[in-house]
C-alpha atoms as a PDB file:
ATOM      1  CA  MET A   1    -177.517  30.432  -0.245  1.00  0.00           C
ATOM      2  CA  LYS A   2    -176.911  33.283   2.107  1.00  0.00           C
ATOM      3  CA  ARG A   3    -175.578  32.726   5.583  1.00  0.00           C
ATOM      4  CA  ILE A   4    -175.540  35.511   8.117  1.00  0.00           C
ATOM      5  CA  VAL A   5    -174.504  35.817  11.884  1.00  0.00           C
ATOM      6  CA  ILE A   6    -176.268  38.175  14.542  1.00  0.00           C
ATOM      7  CA  LEU A   7    -174.004  38.755  17.055  1.00  0.00           C
ATOM      8  CA  GLN A   8    -173.146  41.172  20.092  1.00  0.00           C
ATOM      9  CA  PRO A   9    -169.282  42.869  19.412  1.00  0.00           C
ATOM     10  CA  GLY A  10    -166.685  42.296  21.632  1.00  0.00           C
ATOM     11  CA  TYR A  11    -164.094  43.819  23.189  1.00  0.00           C
ATOM     12  CA  LEU A  12    -160.496  42.445  21.161  1.00  0.00           C
ATOM     13  CA  PRO A  13    -162.798  39.246  20.714  1.00  0.00           C
ATOM     14  CA  TRP A  14    -161.952  35.702  20.379  1.00  0.00           C
ATOM     15  CA  LEU A  15    -161.091  33.590  17.551  1.00  0.00           C
ATOM     16  CA  GLY A  16    -164.768  31.750  17.636  1.00  0.00           C
ATOM     17  CA  PHE A  17    -165.876  35.751  16.787  1.00  0.00           C
ATOM     18  CA  PHE A  18    -164.133  36.222  13.803  1.00  0.00           C
ATOM     19  CA  ASP A  19    -164.614  31.942  12.696  1.00  0.00           C
ATOM     20  CA  GLN A  20    -168.216  33.429  12.506  1.00  0.00           C
ATOM     21  CA  LEU A  21    -167.193  36.038  10.857  1.00  0.00           C
ATOM     22  CA  VAL A  22    -165.383  34.491   8.200  1.00  0.00           C
ATOM     23  CA  ARG A  23    -168.233  31.796   7.362  1.00  0.00           C
ATOM     24  CA  ALA A  24    -171.119  34.483   6.883  1.00  0.00           C
ATOM     25  CA  THR A  25    -171.949  36.174   3.749  1.00  0.00           C
ATOM     26  CA  GLU A  26    -173.153  39.001   6.117  1.00  0.00           C
ATOM     27  CA  PHE A  27    -172.835  39.639   9.428  1.00  0.00           C
ATOM     28  CA  ILE A  28    -175.190  41.590  11.753  1.00  0.00           C
ATOM     29  CA  ILE A  29    -173.870  43.580  14.962  1.00  0.00           C
ATOM     30  CA  TYR A  30    -176.199  43.119  17.642  1.00  0.00           C
ATOM     31  CA  ASP A  31    -175.931  46.580  18.887  1.00  0.00           C
ATOM     32  CA  ASP A  32    -179.473  47.026  20.043  1.00  0.00           C
ATOM     33  CA  VAL A  33    -179.659  44.539  23.080  1.00  0.00           C
ATOM     34  CA  GLN A  34    -179.434  45.282  26.495  1.00  0.00           C
ATOM     35  CA  TYR A  35    -175.742  45.557  27.804  1.00  0.00           C
ATOM     36  CA  ASP A  36    -174.519  42.721  29.734  1.00  0.00           C
ATOM     37  CA  ARG A  37    -172.253  43.446  32.936  1.00  0.00           C
ATOM     38  CA  ARG A  38    -170.263  40.682  33.219  1.00  0.00           C
ATOM     39  CA  GLY A  39    -169.926  39.799  29.510  1.00  0.00           C
ATOM     40  CA  TRP A  40    -167.111  39.963  26.800  1.00  0.00           C
ATOM     41  CA  ARG A  41    -168.366  43.857  25.766  1.00  0.00           C
ATOM     42  CA  ASN A  42    -165.686  45.467  27.632  1.00  0.00           C
ATOM     43  CA  ARG A  43    -163.372  42.801  28.486  1.00  0.00           C
ATOM     44  CA  ASN A  44    -160.976  39.995  27.251  1.00  0.00           C
ATOM     45  CA  ARG A  45    -157.958  38.134  27.646  1.00  0.00           C
ATOM     46  CA  ILE A  46    -154.353  37.745  26.498  1.00  0.00           C
ATOM     47  CA  LYS A  47    -151.352  35.987  27.449  1.00  0.00           C
ATOM     48  CA  GLY A  48    -148.603  36.719  29.790  1.00  0.00           C
ATOM     49  CA  PRO A  49    -145.580  34.853  31.267  1.00  0.00           C
ATOM     50  CA  GLU A  50    -147.826  33.578  34.456  1.00  0.00           C
ATOM     51  CA  GLY A  51    -150.844  33.202  32.445  1.00  0.00           C
ATOM     52  CA  PRO A  52    -153.997  34.985  31.483  1.00  0.00           C
ATOM     53  CA  VAL A  53    -154.212  39.000  31.845  1.00  0.00           C
ATOM     54  CA  TRP A  54    -157.502  40.343  31.538  1.00  0.00           C
ATOM     55  CA  LEU A  55    -157.782  43.797  29.532  1.00  0.00           C
ATOM     56  CA  THR A  56    -160.958  45.789  30.571  1.00  0.00           C
ATOM     57  CA  VAL A  57    -162.324  49.009  29.532  1.00  0.00           C
ATOM     58  CA  PRO A  58    -163.711  50.688  32.031  1.00  0.00           C
ATOM     59  CA  VAL A  59    -167.774  51.852  31.396  1.00  0.00           C
ATOM     60  CA  VAL A  60    -170.579  54.335  33.042  1.00  0.00           C
ATOM     61  CA  GLN A  61    -172.783  51.712  34.331  1.00  0.00           C
ATOM     62  CA  LYS A  62    -173.923  52.903  38.006  1.00  0.00           C
ATOM     63  CA  GLY A  63    -177.899  53.174  37.556  1.00  0.00           C
ATOM     64  CA  LEU A  64    -178.180  52.193  33.938  1.00  0.00           C
ATOM     65  CA  PHE A  65    -179.545  48.624  34.532  1.00  0.00           C
ATOM     66  CA  HIS A  66    -181.318  48.215  31.384  1.00  0.00           C
ATOM     67  CA  GLN A  67    -178.516  50.424  28.675  1.00  0.00           C
ATOM     68  CA  ARG A  68    -178.299  48.967  25.261  1.00  0.00           C
ATOM     69  CA  VAL A  69    -175.121  47.986  23.911  1.00  0.00           C
ATOM     70  CA  ASN A  70    -175.109  50.686  21.445  1.00  0.00           C
ATOM     71  CA  GLU A  71    -175.448  53.138  24.553  1.00  0.00           C
ATOM     72  CA  THR A  72    -172.589  52.108  26.774  1.00  0.00           C
ATOM     73  CA  ARG A  73    -170.424  54.916  27.534  1.00  0.00           C
ATOM     74  CA  ILE A  74    -166.483  54.168  28.331  1.00  0.00           C
ATOM     75  CA  ASP A  75    -165.530  55.590  31.787  1.00  0.00           C
ATOM     76  CA  ASN A  76    -162.536  57.709  30.754  1.00  0.00           C
ATOM     77  CA  SER A  77    -161.669  59.269  34.151  1.00  0.00           C
ATOM     78  CA  SER A  78    -158.620  56.744  34.662  1.00  0.00           C
ATOM     79  CA  ASP A  79    -156.063  56.609  32.012  1.00  0.00           C
ATOM     80  CA  TRP A  80    -156.907  52.907  31.247  1.00  0.00           C
ATOM     81  CA  ALA A  81    -156.037  52.873  27.506  1.00  0.00           C
ATOM     82  CA  ALA A  82    -152.131  53.262  27.812  1.00  0.00           C
ATOM     83  CA  ARG A  83    -151.656  51.306  30.683  1.00  0.00           C
ATOM     84  CA  GLN A  84    -153.506  48.296  28.338  1.00  0.00           C
ATOM     85  CA  VAL A  85    -151.166  49.575  25.686  1.00  0.00           C
ATOM     86  CA  ARG A  86    -147.865  48.907  28.215  1.00  0.00           C
ATOM     87  CA  THR A  87    -149.853  45.645  29.143  1.00  0.00           C
ATOM     88  CA  LEU A  88    -149.667  44.524  25.297  1.00  0.00           C
ATOM     89  CA  SER A  89    -145.773  45.749  24.614  1.00  0.00           C
ATOM     90  CA  ARG A  90    -144.904  44.276  27.852  1.00  0.00           C
ATOM     91  CA  ASN A  91    -146.015  40.757  26.949  1.00  0.00           C
ATOM     92  CA  TYR A  92    -146.099  40.495  23.125  1.00  0.00           C
ATOM     93  CA  ALA A  93    -143.155  42.884  22.016  1.00  0.00           C
ATOM     94  CA  LYS A  94    -141.277  40.023  21.334  1.00  0.00           C
ATOM     95  CA  ALA A  95    -143.720  38.080  19.492  1.00  0.00           C
ATOM     96  CA  PRO A  96    -142.804  37.460  15.398  1.00  0.00           C
ATOM     97  CA  TYR A  97    -145.626  39.520  14.214  1.00  0.00           C
ATOM     98  CA  PHE A  98    -145.804  42.541  16.996  1.00  0.00           C
ATOM     99  CA  ASP A  99    -144.541  45.040  14.604  1.00  0.00           C
ATOM    100  CA  ASP A 100    -147.162  44.067  12.228  1.00  0.00           C
ATOM    101  CA  LEU A 101    -150.335  44.664  14.588  1.00  0.00           C
ATOM    102  CA  PHE A 102    -148.815  46.806  17.405  1.00  0.00           C
ATOM    103  CA  PRO A 103    -148.525  50.153  15.667  1.00  0.00           C
ATOM    104  CA  ALA A 104    -152.102  50.099  14.609  1.00  0.00           C
ATOM    105  CA  LEU A 105    -153.805  48.798  17.720  1.00  0.00           C
ATOM    106  CA  SER A 106    -152.278  51.431  19.834  1.00  0.00           C
ATOM    107  CA  ALA A 107    -153.173  53.972  18.076  1.00  0.00           C
ATOM    108  CA  ILE A 108    -157.186  53.039  17.979  1.00  0.00           C
ATOM    109  CA  LEU A 109    -156.798  52.829  21.941  1.00  0.00           C
ATOM    110  CA  THR A 110    -154.718  55.905  22.658  1.00  0.00           C
ATOM    111  CA  GLN A 111    -157.629  57.539  20.522  1.00  0.00           C
ATOM    112  CA  THR A 112    -160.054  59.317  22.709  1.00  0.00           C
ATOM    113  CA  TRP A 113    -163.552  57.148  22.655  1.00  0.00           C
ATOM    114  CA  ASP A 114    -167.079  58.014  23.976  1.00  0.00           C
ATOM    115  CA  LEU A 115    -168.851  54.877  23.108  1.00  0.00           C
ATOM    116  CA  LEU A 116    -168.061  51.675  23.818  1.00  0.00           C
ATOM    117  CA  ILE A 117    -169.472  50.428  20.682  1.00  0.00           C
ATOM    118  CA  ASP A 118    -167.419  52.611  18.487  1.00  0.00           C
ATOM    119  CA  LEU A 119    -164.200  51.309  20.367  1.00  0.00           C
ATOM    120  CA  ASP A 120    -164.918  47.931  19.856  1.00  0.00           C
ATOM    121  CA  MET A 121    -165.658  47.977  16.196  1.00  0.00           C
ATOM    122  CA  ALA A 122    -162.813  49.732  15.145  1.00  0.00           C
ATOM    123  CA  LEU A 123    -160.574  46.946  16.791  1.00  0.00           C
ATOM    124  CA  ILE A 124    -162.867  44.155  15.234  1.00  0.00           C
ATOM    125  CA  HIS A 125    -162.561  46.267  11.702  1.00  0.00           C
ATOM    126  CA  LEU A 126    -158.856  46.045  12.653  1.00  0.00           C
ATOM    127  CA  ILE A 127    -158.165  42.461  13.445  1.00  0.00           C
ATOM    128  CA  ALA A 128    -160.427  41.494  11.164  1.00  0.00           C
ATOM    129  CA  GLN A 129    -158.216  43.093   8.366  1.00  0.00           C
ATOM    130  CA  GLN A 130    -154.911  41.447   9.702  1.00  0.00           C
ATOM    131  CA  ILE A 131    -156.834  38.224   9.755  1.00  0.00           C
ATOM    132  CA  GLY A 132    -157.472  38.806   5.921  1.00  0.00           C
ATOM    133  CA  ILE A 133    -161.490  38.570   6.305  1.00  0.00           C
ATOM    134  CA  ASN A 134    -163.597  41.115   4.074  1.00  0.00           C
ATOM    135  CA  THR A 135    -167.340  40.157   4.965  1.00  0.00           C
ATOM    136  CA  PRO A 136    -169.739  42.997   5.576  1.00  0.00           C
ATOM    137  CA  LEU A 137    -170.980  43.853   8.786  1.00  0.00           C
ATOM    138  CA  ARG A 138    -174.206  45.871   9.518  1.00  0.00           C
ATOM    139  CA  TYR A 139    -175.838  47.188  13.031  1.00  0.00           C
ATOM    140  CA  SER A 140    -178.974  45.007  14.097  1.00  0.00           C
ATOM    141  CA  SER A 141    -180.626  48.837  15.147  1.00  0.00           C
ATOM    142  CA  GLU A 142    -180.827  49.586  11.098  1.00  0.00           C
ATOM    143  CA  LEU A 143    -183.403  46.547  10.686  1.00  0.00           C
ATOM    144  CA  PRO A 144    -186.715  45.440  12.296  1.00  0.00           C
ATOM    145  CA  GLN A 145    -187.051  45.852  16.076  1.00  0.00           C
ATOM    146  CA  GLU A 146    -190.313  43.897  16.853  1.00  0.00           C
ATOM    147  CA  GLY A 147    -190.546  40.501  18.360  1.00  0.00           C
ATOM    148  CA  GLY A 148    -189.166  38.213  21.127  1.00  0.00           C
ATOM    149  CA  LYS A 149    -185.958  36.390  21.354  1.00  0.00           C
ATOM    150  CA  THR A 150    -186.187  34.161  18.404  1.00  0.00           C
ATOM    151  CA  GLY A 151    -188.826  36.058  16.644  1.00  0.00           C
ATOM    152  CA  ARG A 152    -186.090  39.109  16.175  1.00  0.00           C
ATOM    153  CA  LEU A 153    -183.752  36.613  15.222  1.00  0.00           C
ATOM    154  CA  ILE A 154    -185.944  35.488  12.694  1.00  0.00           C
ATOM    155  CA  GLU A 155    -187.554  38.857  11.376  1.00  0.00           C
ATOM    156  CA  ILE A 156    -183.535  40.258  10.955  1.00  0.00           C
ATOM    157  CA  CYS A 157    -182.866  37.234   8.787  1.00  0.00           C
ATOM    158  CA  LEU A 158    -186.274  37.686   6.630  1.00  0.00           C
ATOM    159  CA  ALA A 159    -185.101  41.568   6.053  1.00  0.00           C
ATOM    160  CA  THR A 160    -181.656  40.623   4.526  1.00  0.00           C
ATOM    161  CA  GLY A 161    -182.787  37.756   2.440  1.00  0.00           C
ATOM    162  CA  ALA A 162    -180.679  35.330   4.699  1.00  0.00           C
ATOM    163  CA  ASP A 163    -182.182  31.796   4.489  1.00  0.00           C
ATOM    164  CA  THR A 164    -179.322  30.257   6.416  1.00  0.00           C
ATOM    165  CA  TYR A 165    -178.375  31.564   9.969  1.00  0.00           C
ATOM    166  CA  LEU A 166    -175.354  30.344  11.899  1.00  0.00           C
ATOM    167  CA  THR A 167    -175.308  31.271  15.805  1.00  0.00           C
ATOM    168  CA  GLY A 168    -173.437  29.191  18.857  1.00  0.00           C
ATOM    169  CA  ASN A 169    -173.614  26.316  20.603  1.00  0.00           C
ATOM    170  CA  ALA A 170    -174.988  28.622  23.202  1.00  0.00           C
ATOM    171  CA  ALA A 171    -177.799  29.322  21.489  1.00  0.00           C
ATOM    172  CA  LYS A 172    -179.136  25.548  21.810  1.00  0.00           C
ATOM    173  CA  GLY A 173    -180.602  26.475  25.406  1.00  0.00           C
ATOM    174  CA  TYR A 174    -182.924  29.270  23.878  1.00  0.00           C
ATOM    175  CA  ILE A 175    -183.705  29.035  20.418  1.00  0.00           C
ATOM    176  CA  ASP A 176    -187.123  27.860  18.526  1.00  0.00           C
ATOM    177  CA  GLU A 177    -185.719  25.480  15.918  1.00  0.00           C
ATOM    178  CA  ASP A 178    -189.292  24.938  14.913  1.00  0.00           C
ATOM    179  CA  ALA A 179    -190.097  28.381  14.310  1.00  0.00           C
ATOM    180  CA  PHE A 180    -186.990  28.977  11.815  1.00  0.00           C
ATOM    181  CA  ARG A 181    -188.285  25.790  10.326  1.00  0.00           C
ATOM    182  CA  SER A 182    -191.788  27.140   9.730  1.00  0.00           C
ATOM    183  CA  ALA A 183    -189.775  30.905   8.390  1.00  0.00           C
ATOM    184  CA  GLY A 184    -187.866  29.095   5.495  1.00  0.00           C
ATOM    185  CA  ILE A 185    -184.358  29.329   7.528  1.00  0.00           C
ATOM    186  CA  THR A 186    -181.805  26.597   8.015  1.00  0.00           C
ATOM    187  CA  LEU A 187    -180.633  27.000  11.767  1.00  0.00           C
ATOM    188  CA  GLU A 188    -176.369  25.788  11.585  1.00  0.00           C
ATOM    189  CA  TYR A 189    -174.669  25.417  14.687  1.00  0.00           C
ATOM    190  CA  GLN A 190    -171.110  26.749  14.751  1.00  0.00           C
ATOM    191  CA  ASN A 191    -169.298  23.729  16.933  1.00  0.00           C
ATOM    192  CA  TYR A 192    -165.876  25.934  16.798  1.00  0.00           C
ATOM    193  CA  GLN A 193    -163.184  23.915  17.913  1.00  0.00           C
ATOM    194  CA  HIS A 194    -160.482  25.785  19.097  1.00  0.00           C
ATOM    195  CA  PRO A 195    -156.932  25.457  17.241  1.00  0.00           C
ATOM    196  CA  THR A 196    -153.317  25.170  18.767  1.00  0.00           C
ATOM    197  CA  TYR A 197    -150.821  27.668  17.382  1.00  0.00           C
ATOM    198  CA  ARG A 198    -147.624  29.180  18.589  1.00  0.00           C
ATOM    199  CA  GLN A 199    -147.527  31.106  21.804  1.00  0.00           C
ATOM    200  CA  ARG A 200    -144.939  32.653  23.935  1.00  0.00           C
ATOM    201  CA  PHE A 201    -144.160  31.707  27.514  1.00  0.00           C
ATOM    202  CA  GLY A 202    -144.576  28.139  28.008  1.00  0.00           C
ATOM    203  CA  ASP A 203    -147.961  25.808  27.657  1.00  0.00           C
ATOM    204  CA  PHE A 204    -150.535  26.505  24.945  1.00  0.00           C
ATOM    205  CA  ILE A 205    -153.691  28.273  26.656  1.00  0.00           C
ATOM    206  CA  PRO A 206    -156.935  28.545  24.392  1.00  0.00           C
ATOM    207  CA  TYR A 207    -159.878  31.034  24.504  1.00  0.00           C
ATOM    208  CA  LEU A 208    -157.947  34.581  24.269  1.00  0.00           C
ATOM    209  CA  SER A 209    -158.568  37.648  22.298  1.00  0.00           C
ATOM    210  CA  ALA A 210    -157.473  36.748  18.450  1.00  0.00           C
ATOM    211  CA  VAL A 211    -154.357  39.694  19.013  1.00  0.00           C
ATOM    212  CA  ASP A 212    -152.887  36.569  20.701  1.00  0.00           C
ATOM    213  CA  LEU A 213    -152.660  34.937  17.422  1.00  0.00           C
ATOM    214  CA  VAL A 214    -151.989  37.574  15.416  1.00  0.00           C
ATOM    215  CA  PHE A 215    -148.978  38.980  17.265  1.00  0.00           C
ATOM    216  CA  ASN A 216    -147.573  35.029  16.679  1.00  0.00           C
ATOM    217  CA  GLU A 217    -148.630  33.669  13.586  1.00  0.00           C
ATOM    218  CA  GLY A 218    -149.322  36.726  11.272  1.00  0.00           C
ATOM    219  CA  PRO A 219    -150.397  35.661   7.978  1.00  0.00           C
ATOM    220  CA  ALA A 220    -151.097  32.085   9.045  1.00  0.00           C
ATOM    221  CA  SER A 221    -153.977  33.543  11.291  1.00  0.00           C
ATOM    222  CA  LEU A 222    -156.817  32.371   8.576  1.00  0.00           C
ATOM    223  CA  ILE A 223    -155.510  29.413   7.875  1.00  0.00           C
ATOM    224  CA  ILE A 224    -154.955  28.409  11.865  1.00  0.00           C
ATOM    225  CA  LEU A 225    -158.527  30.123  12.508  1.00  0.00           C
ATOM    226  CA  SER A 226    -160.698  27.314  11.325  1.00  0.00           C
ATOM    227  CA  ASN A 227    -158.384  24.386  12.503  1.00  0.00           C
ATOM    228  CA  THR A 228    -159.600  22.144  15.246  1.00  0.00           C
ATOM    229  CA  ALA A 229    -158.340  21.317  18.779  1.00  0.00           C
ATOM    230  CA  GLY A 230    -161.414  20.666  20.867  1.00  0.00           C
ATOM    231  CA  GLY A 231    -162.563  22.505  23.889  1.00  0.00           C
ATOM    232  CA  THR A 232    -165.652  25.046  24.606  1.00  0.00           C
ATOM    233  CA  ARG A 233    -165.380  28.534  25.492  1.00  0.00           C
ATOM    234  CA  SER A 234    -167.622  27.921  28.323  1.00  0.00           C
ATOM    235  CA  GLU A 235    -164.227  26.350  30.229  1.00  0.00           C
ATOM    236  CA  ILE A 236    -163.278  29.872  30.677  1.00  0.00           C
ATOM    237  CA  GLU A 237    -166.078  31.896  31.828  1.00  0.00           C
ATOM    238  CA  GLU A 238    -165.541  33.435  34.969  1.00  0.00           C
ATOM    239  CA  LYS A 239    -167.495  33.154  38.068  1.00  0.00           C
ATOM    240  CA  GLY A 240    -168.131  36.550  39.467  1.00  0.00           C
ATOM    241  CA  SER A 241    -164.220  37.071  39.307  1.00  0.00           C
ATOM    242  CA  ASP A 242    -162.666  40.944  39.932  1.00  0.00           C
ATOM    243  CA  ASN A 243    -159.068  39.212  38.827  1.00  0.00           C
ATOM    244  CA  HIS A 244    -158.637  41.432  36.185  1.00  0.00           C
ATOM    245  CA  ALA A 245    -154.546  42.103  36.196  1.00  0.00           C
ATOM    246  CA  GLY A 246    -153.066  43.727  33.883  1.00  0.00           C
ATOM    247  CA  ASP A 247    -155.739  46.331  33.209  1.00  0.00           C
END
């Protein structure tokens, strides 16, 4: 069986992203689709003493309504990276595995990046390495680019020789299951159940960036990643809020 995942990159992604990465035979970064302005490509959350703290990478968007993920540029007119490094240090300096992750994380953040996807991928590779995930990754822009929403996914599966496609539960709202069956591809839904692990600052908060897990649990992260505790990512989908404290 060859199971693939086709998923957009995220900024310091959450645990569900890495759960799909570890379960895939090959992971396809969906980099040539339209950039979503209110999505997770350029932001995520960590935990602070008063609750979730947003980390956001400013991007160039004015007049670019149809730019693709792999075309989106970072707005480096402010010192956003230094602020994020300080925020990470302030909130995780006393975490058990701070010294294992922070030097490499801060080194990546403080490089000069032009394209958002290059920064996202550098961080994804770092976190995957820290967790212990070695799944190969490639880009959808290197693969067939014809077909509609479901048709493109099927084309990528066929081009990679995959017989199984793993996707998140949100895909149930749009995916054509009959088309996958007709193509001879087994469709699987992730059904990710968020685990509980050690955190600082009081009650447990789920759906944060995976760095929260790595800072707090270090070598145990891979085992914890696939434990279950219930809940859905949609619980923290923000509704137009501009509360990006700690950027």
